[in-house]
Each structure stands twice: as C-alpha cells, then as structure tokens.
Amino acid sequence: MVSDSGPAVVLVDTNVWSCVSGDKRHPDQELVQAWKRFLTGKVIVIATQTRAEILQGLRFLGPRRASILTAALDRTRCMPVTEEVVQAYATLYYEAMKAGHPIHNKIHAADRWIAATAIALGIPLLTEDHMFWGAPQLTLIPIT
C-alpha cells in the first residue's frame, strides 16, 4: 500500500491517473483506494505525455464518457515540456543506458518523458509500472 504522508506535489503516471479518475478498472481496488487516500489534499500533476496518452484513449469511448473524462483531465494540471524537461530526458537516457536500465530503450520513450518531467520538477512519481524502479535520478512513491 501507499503511505498516507509524503510530498505536497506528485506527478501521477498514466495508469494511476486512469484508475483514480475512474477511466480504467484496476484488478486491485484496494490499491486504487490507497492511491486515492494518498493523493487526497495533494497537488496532482501529469506530464504532457500522460495527457496525450489519455486523450488518445478517449478516442475509443462514446461522446458522453469522453466528455466526462476530458473534464476530469482538464482539471488536472499538465506540466509542459520545458527546456529543463528536455535536458532531464537526455540525461536520463544517457545515465540509464550506462546503468543498463531499460528506460533508455526505444520502446520506453514515452515513459522517459514522464520520468523526465518528474526529475525536472524535483517531484516524485506515483506509478505501479515496475519499469521505472531504479531509473537514475527518479524518485518514486512506494506502493508497498
């Protein structure tokens, strides 16, 4: 589970946002409830990549459901891709490649943008994706 204390601002990964917002059903509803409790009272932000992924998924929904989720998405602060994020992305790629961490692989380019956003902002990432574990300079919210 997620501890109830922690930072005031948290970057939320796409899957976590989707589950917490009700867009996606997660098999472990206790975990989703723990995420919701943890996020209560915190500033939730998402990376531009996460916003793009969610908008992409909305194309498969009916207009009513898409409208509800778009409104929820619009209430979530989206962090722009700044020069700091671009530099963090490049550094993360290089450091991960040297360390043999999989986030440097081409298939994880989208995940690199999310991680780079958290790194550039100096805030932790809430995710359940184990691929992020051990990524250089990335701080994760523990979910155990």
C-alpha atoms as a PDB file:
ATOM      1  CA  MET A   1       0.000   0.000   0.000  1.00  0.00           C
ATOM      2  CA  VAL A   2       0.900   3.664  -0.238  1.00  0.00           C
ATOM      3  CA  SER A   3       1.843   5.565   2.906  1.00  0.00           C
ATOM      4  CA  ASP A   4      -0.523   8.462   3.727  1.00  0.00           C
ATOM      5  CA  SER A   5       2.217  11.038   4.209  1.00  0.00           C
ATOM      6  CA  GLY A   6       4.541  12.348   1.578  1.00  0.00           C
ATOM      7  CA  PRO A   7       5.178  15.284  -0.698  1.00  0.00           C
ATOM      8  CA  ALA A   8       2.633  18.024  -1.397  1.00  0.00           C
ATOM      9  CA  VAL A   9       3.002  17.737  -5.200  1.00  0.00           C
ATOM     10  CA  VAL A  10       3.001  14.396  -7.001  1.00  0.00           C
ATOM     11  CA  LEU A  11       3.381  13.513 -10.672  1.00  0.00           C
ATOM     12  CA  VAL A  12       0.927  10.739 -11.487  1.00  0.00           C
ATOM     13  CA  ASP A  13       1.618   8.166 -14.203  1.00  0.00           C
ATOM     14  CA  THR A  14      -0.967   7.497 -16.891  1.00  0.00           C
ATOM     15  CA  ASN A  15      -2.222   4.198 -15.475  1.00  0.00           C
ATOM     16  CA  VAL A  16      -2.626   5.610 -11.966  1.00  0.00           C
ATOM     17  CA  TRP A  17      -4.499   8.680 -13.269  1.00  0.00           C
ATOM     18  CA  SER A  18      -6.763   6.479 -15.364  1.00  0.00           C
ATOM     19  CA  CYS A  19      -7.627   4.250 -12.400  1.00  0.00           C
ATOM     20  CA  VAL A  20      -8.080   7.068  -9.885  1.00  0.00           C
ATOM     21  CA  SER A  21     -10.263   9.063 -12.297  1.00  0.00           C
ATOM     22  CA  GLY A  22     -12.465   6.054 -12.994  1.00  0.00           C
ATOM     23  CA  ASP A  23     -11.406   5.788 -16.631  1.00  0.00           C
ATOM     24  CA  LYS A  24      -9.921   2.345 -16.175  1.00  0.00           C
ATOM     25  CA  ARG A  25     -10.822  -0.528 -13.845  1.00  0.00           C
ATOM     26  CA  HIS A  26      -7.892  -1.933 -11.905  1.00  0.00           C
ATOM     27  CA  PRO A  27      -7.918  -5.540 -10.633  1.00  0.00           C
ATOM     28  CA  ASP A  28      -6.723  -4.393  -7.189  1.00  0.00           C
ATOM     29  CA  GLN A  29      -9.355  -1.931  -5.991  1.00  0.00           C
ATOM     30  CA  GLU A  30      -7.712  -1.755  -2.556  1.00  0.00           C
ATOM     31  CA  LEU A  31      -4.616  -0.335  -4.237  1.00  0.00           C
ATOM     32  CA  VAL A  32      -6.709   2.220  -6.126  1.00  0.00           C
ATOM     33  CA  GLN A  33      -8.335   3.282  -2.853  1.00  0.00           C
ATOM     34  CA  ALA A  34      -4.855   3.601  -1.280  1.00  0.00           C
ATOM     35  CA  TRP A  35      -3.800   5.831  -4.188  1.00  0.00           C
ATOM     36  CA  LYS A  36      -6.890   7.976  -3.703  1.00  0.00           C
ATOM     37  CA  ARG A  37      -6.236   8.325   0.038  1.00  0.00           C
ATOM     38  CA  PHE A  38      -2.599   9.185  -0.603  1.00  0.00           C
ATOM     39  CA  LEU A  39      -3.490  11.806  -3.217  1.00  0.00           C
ATOM     40  CA  THR A  40      -6.155  13.490  -1.077  1.00  0.00           C
ATOM     41  CA  GLY A  41      -5.021  17.041  -0.305  1.00  0.00           C
ATOM     42  CA  LYS A  42      -2.048  16.854  -2.648  1.00  0.00           C
ATOM     43  CA  VAL A  43      -1.451  18.738  -5.876  1.00  0.00           C
ATOM     44  CA  ILE A  44      -1.717  16.160  -8.642  1.00  0.00           C
ATOM     45  CA  VAL A  45       0.146  16.901 -11.846  1.00  0.00           C
ATOM     46  CA  ILE A  46       0.663  14.922 -15.013  1.00  0.00           C
ATOM     47  CA  ALA A  47       3.257  15.041 -17.765  1.00  0.00           C
ATOM     48  CA  THR A  48       2.354  16.198 -21.259  1.00  0.00           C
ATOM     49  CA  GLN A  49       2.947  12.595 -22.360  1.00  0.00           C
ATOM     50  CA  THR A  50       0.288  11.362 -19.928  1.00  0.00           C
ATOM     51  CA  ARG A  51      -2.224  13.913 -21.214  1.00  0.00           C
ATOM     52  CA  ALA A  52      -1.518  12.766 -24.786  1.00  0.00           C
ATOM     53  CA  GLU A  53      -1.941   9.094 -23.838  1.00  0.00           C
ATOM     54  CA  ILE A  54      -5.248   9.770 -22.091  1.00  0.00           C
ATOM     55  CA  LEU A  55      -6.592  11.872 -24.968  1.00  0.00           C
ATOM     56  CA  GLN A  56      -5.559   9.117 -27.355  1.00  0.00           C
ATOM     57  CA  GLY A  57      -7.560   6.597 -25.337  1.00  0.00           C
ATOM     58  CA  LEU A  58     -10.626   8.847 -25.207  1.00  0.00           C
ATOM     59  CA  ARG A  59     -10.992   8.425 -28.968  1.00  0.00           C
ATOM     60  CA  PHE A  60     -12.261   4.896 -28.305  1.00  0.00           C
ATOM     61  CA  LEU A  61     -15.034   5.983 -25.934  1.00  0.00           C
ATOM     62  CA  GLY A  62     -18.530   7.247 -26.550  1.00  0.00           C
ATOM     63  CA  PRO A  63     -19.073  11.012 -26.506  1.00  0.00           C
ATOM     64  CA  ARG A  64     -20.667  11.162 -23.039  1.00  0.00           C
ATOM     65  CA  ARG A  65     -17.920   9.156 -21.322  1.00  0.00           C
ATOM     66  CA  ALA A  66     -15.210  11.009 -23.253  1.00  0.00           C
ATOM     67  CA  SER A  67     -16.717  14.332 -22.180  1.00  0.00           C
ATOM     68  CA  ILE A  68     -16.710  13.350 -18.501  1.00  0.00           C
ATOM     69  CA  LEU A  69     -13.111  12.179 -18.641  1.00  0.00           C
ATOM     70  CA  THR A  70     -11.984  15.210 -20.653  1.00  0.00           C
ATOM     71  CA  ALA A  71     -13.431  17.435 -17.929  1.00  0.00           C
ATOM     72  CA  ALA A  72     -11.512  15.460 -15.275  1.00  0.00           C
ATOM     73  CA  LEU A  73      -8.372  15.661 -17.382  1.00  0.00           C
ATOM     74  CA  ASP A  74      -8.806  19.416 -17.817  1.00  0.00           C
ATOM     75  CA  ARG A  75      -8.958  19.791 -14.024  1.00  0.00           C
ATOM     76  CA  THR A  76      -5.580  18.050 -13.700  1.00  0.00           C
ATOM     77  CA  ARG A  77      -2.555  20.288 -14.004  1.00  0.00           C
ATOM     78  CA  CYS A  78      -0.460  19.265 -17.002  1.00  0.00           C
ATOM     79  CA  MET A  79       3.219  20.163 -16.897  1.00  0.00           C
ATOM     80  CA  PRO A  80       4.603  21.491 -20.164  1.00  0.00           C
ATOM     81  CA  VAL A  81       7.715  20.203 -21.868  1.00  0.00           C
ATOM     82  CA  THR A  82      10.276  22.829 -20.919  1.00  0.00           C
ATOM     83  CA  GLU A  83      13.992  23.015 -21.638  1.00  0.00           C
ATOM     84  CA  GLU A  84      14.550  21.525 -18.167  1.00  0.00           C
ATOM     85  CA  VAL A  85      12.375  18.531 -19.067  1.00  0.00           C
ATOM     86  CA  VAL A  86      14.211  18.102 -22.382  1.00  0.00           C
ATOM     87  CA  GLN A  87      17.579  18.199 -20.589  1.00  0.00           C
ATOM     88  CA  ALA A  88      16.340  15.732 -17.964  1.00  0.00           C
ATOM     89  CA  TYR A  89      15.129  13.436 -20.777  1.00  0.00           C
ATOM     90  CA  ALA A  90      18.527  13.484 -22.483  1.00  0.00           C
ATOM     91  CA  THR A  91      20.392  12.943 -19.210  1.00  0.00           C
ATOM     92  CA  LEU A  92      18.037  10.138 -18.171  1.00  0.00           C
ATOM     93  CA  TYR A  93      18.591   8.376 -21.485  1.00  0.00           C
ATOM     94  CA  TYR A  94      22.361   8.565 -21.156  1.00  0.00           C
ATOM     95  CA  GLU A  95      22.522   7.579 -17.478  1.00  0.00           C
ATOM     96  CA  ALA A  96      20.050   4.728 -17.949  1.00  0.00           C
ATOM     97  CA  MET A  97      21.996   3.424 -20.935  1.00  0.00           C
ATOM     98  CA  LYS A  98      25.238   3.442 -18.894  1.00  0.00           C
ATOM     99  CA  ALA A  99      23.498   1.720 -15.984  1.00  0.00           C
ATOM    100  CA  GLY A 100      21.719  -0.832 -18.175  1.00  0.00           C
ATOM    101  CA  HIS A 101      18.296   0.375 -17.014  1.00  0.00           C
ATOM    102  CA  PRO A 102      15.525  -0.437 -19.544  1.00  0.00           C
ATOM    103  CA  ILE A 103      14.060   3.093 -19.588  1.00  0.00           C
ATOM    104  CA  HIS A 104      16.727   4.005 -22.149  1.00  0.00           C
ATOM    105  CA  ASN A 105      15.269   1.530 -24.685  1.00  0.00           C
ATOM    106  CA  LYS A 106      13.344   2.981 -27.623  1.00  0.00           C
ATOM    107  CA  ILE A 107      10.154   1.211 -26.542  1.00  0.00           C
ATOM    108  CA  HIS A 108      10.173   3.279 -23.310  1.00  0.00           C
ATOM    109  CA  ALA A 109      10.483   6.726 -24.915  1.00  0.00           C
ATOM    110  CA  ALA A 110       7.026   7.727 -23.625  1.00  0.00           C
ATOM    111  CA  ASP A 111       7.943   6.589 -20.109  1.00  0.00           C
ATOM    112  CA  ARG A 112      11.175   8.611 -20.351  1.00  0.00           C
ATOM    113  CA  TRP A 113       9.130  11.790 -20.939  1.00  0.00           C
ATOM    114  CA  ILE A 114       7.057  11.077 -17.839  1.00  0.00           C
ATOM    115  CA  ALA A 115      10.130  10.315 -15.731  1.00  0.00           C
ATOM    116  CA  ALA A 116      11.999  13.339 -17.105  1.00  0.00           C
ATOM    117  CA  THR A 117       9.093  15.584 -16.129  1.00  0.00           C
ATOM    118  CA  ALA A 118       9.236  14.338 -12.530  1.00  0.00           C
ATOM    119  CA  ILE A 119      13.023  14.679 -12.445  1.00  0.00           C
ATOM    120  CA  ALA A 120      12.985  18.209 -13.901  1.00  0.00           C
ATOM    121  CA  LEU A 121      10.335  19.331 -11.410  1.00  0.00           C
ATOM    122  CA  GLY A 122      12.064  17.616  -8.499  1.00  0.00           C
ATOM    123  CA  ILE A 123       8.890  15.772  -7.515  1.00  0.00           C
ATOM    124  CA  PRO A 124       8.155  12.063  -7.060  1.00  0.00           C
ATOM    125  CA  LEU A 125       6.257   9.861  -9.474  1.00  0.00           C
ATOM    126  CA  LEU A 126       3.315   7.710  -8.387  1.00  0.00           C
ATOM    127  CA  THR A 127       3.237   4.665 -10.640  1.00  0.00           C
ATOM    128  CA  GLU A 128       2.763   0.930 -10.460  1.00  0.00           C
ATOM    129  CA  ASP A 129       4.922   0.312 -13.516  1.00  0.00           C
ATOM    130  CA  HIS A 130       7.979  -1.586 -12.266  1.00  0.00           C
ATOM    131  CA  MET A 131       9.952  -0.450 -15.291  1.00  0.00           C
ATOM    132  CA  PHE A 132      10.516   2.878 -13.512  1.00  0.00           C
ATOM    133  CA  TRP A 133      12.141   1.222 -10.487  1.00  0.00           C
ATOM    134  CA  GLY A 134      15.791   2.161 -10.216  1.00  0.00           C
ATOM    135  CA  ALA A 135      15.688   4.733 -13.018  1.00  0.00           C
ATOM    136  CA  PRO A 136      18.536   7.211 -12.450  1.00  0.00           C
ATOM    137  CA  GLN A 137      17.571  10.359 -10.520  1.00  0.00           C
ATOM    138  CA  LEU A 138      13.876   9.386 -10.393  1.00  0.00           C
ATOM    139  CA  THR A 139      12.095   9.400  -7.043  1.00  0.00           C
ATOM    140  CA  LEU A 140       9.122   7.058  -6.792  1.00  0.00           C
ATOM    141  CA  ILE A 141       6.274   6.908  -4.289  1.00  0.00           C
ATOM    142  CA  PRO A 142       6.498   3.445  -2.729  1.00  0.00           C
ATOM    143  CA  ILE A 143       3.364   1.391  -3.295  1.00  0.00           C
ATOM    144  CA  THR A 144       4.138  -1.466  -0.946  1.00  0.00           C
END
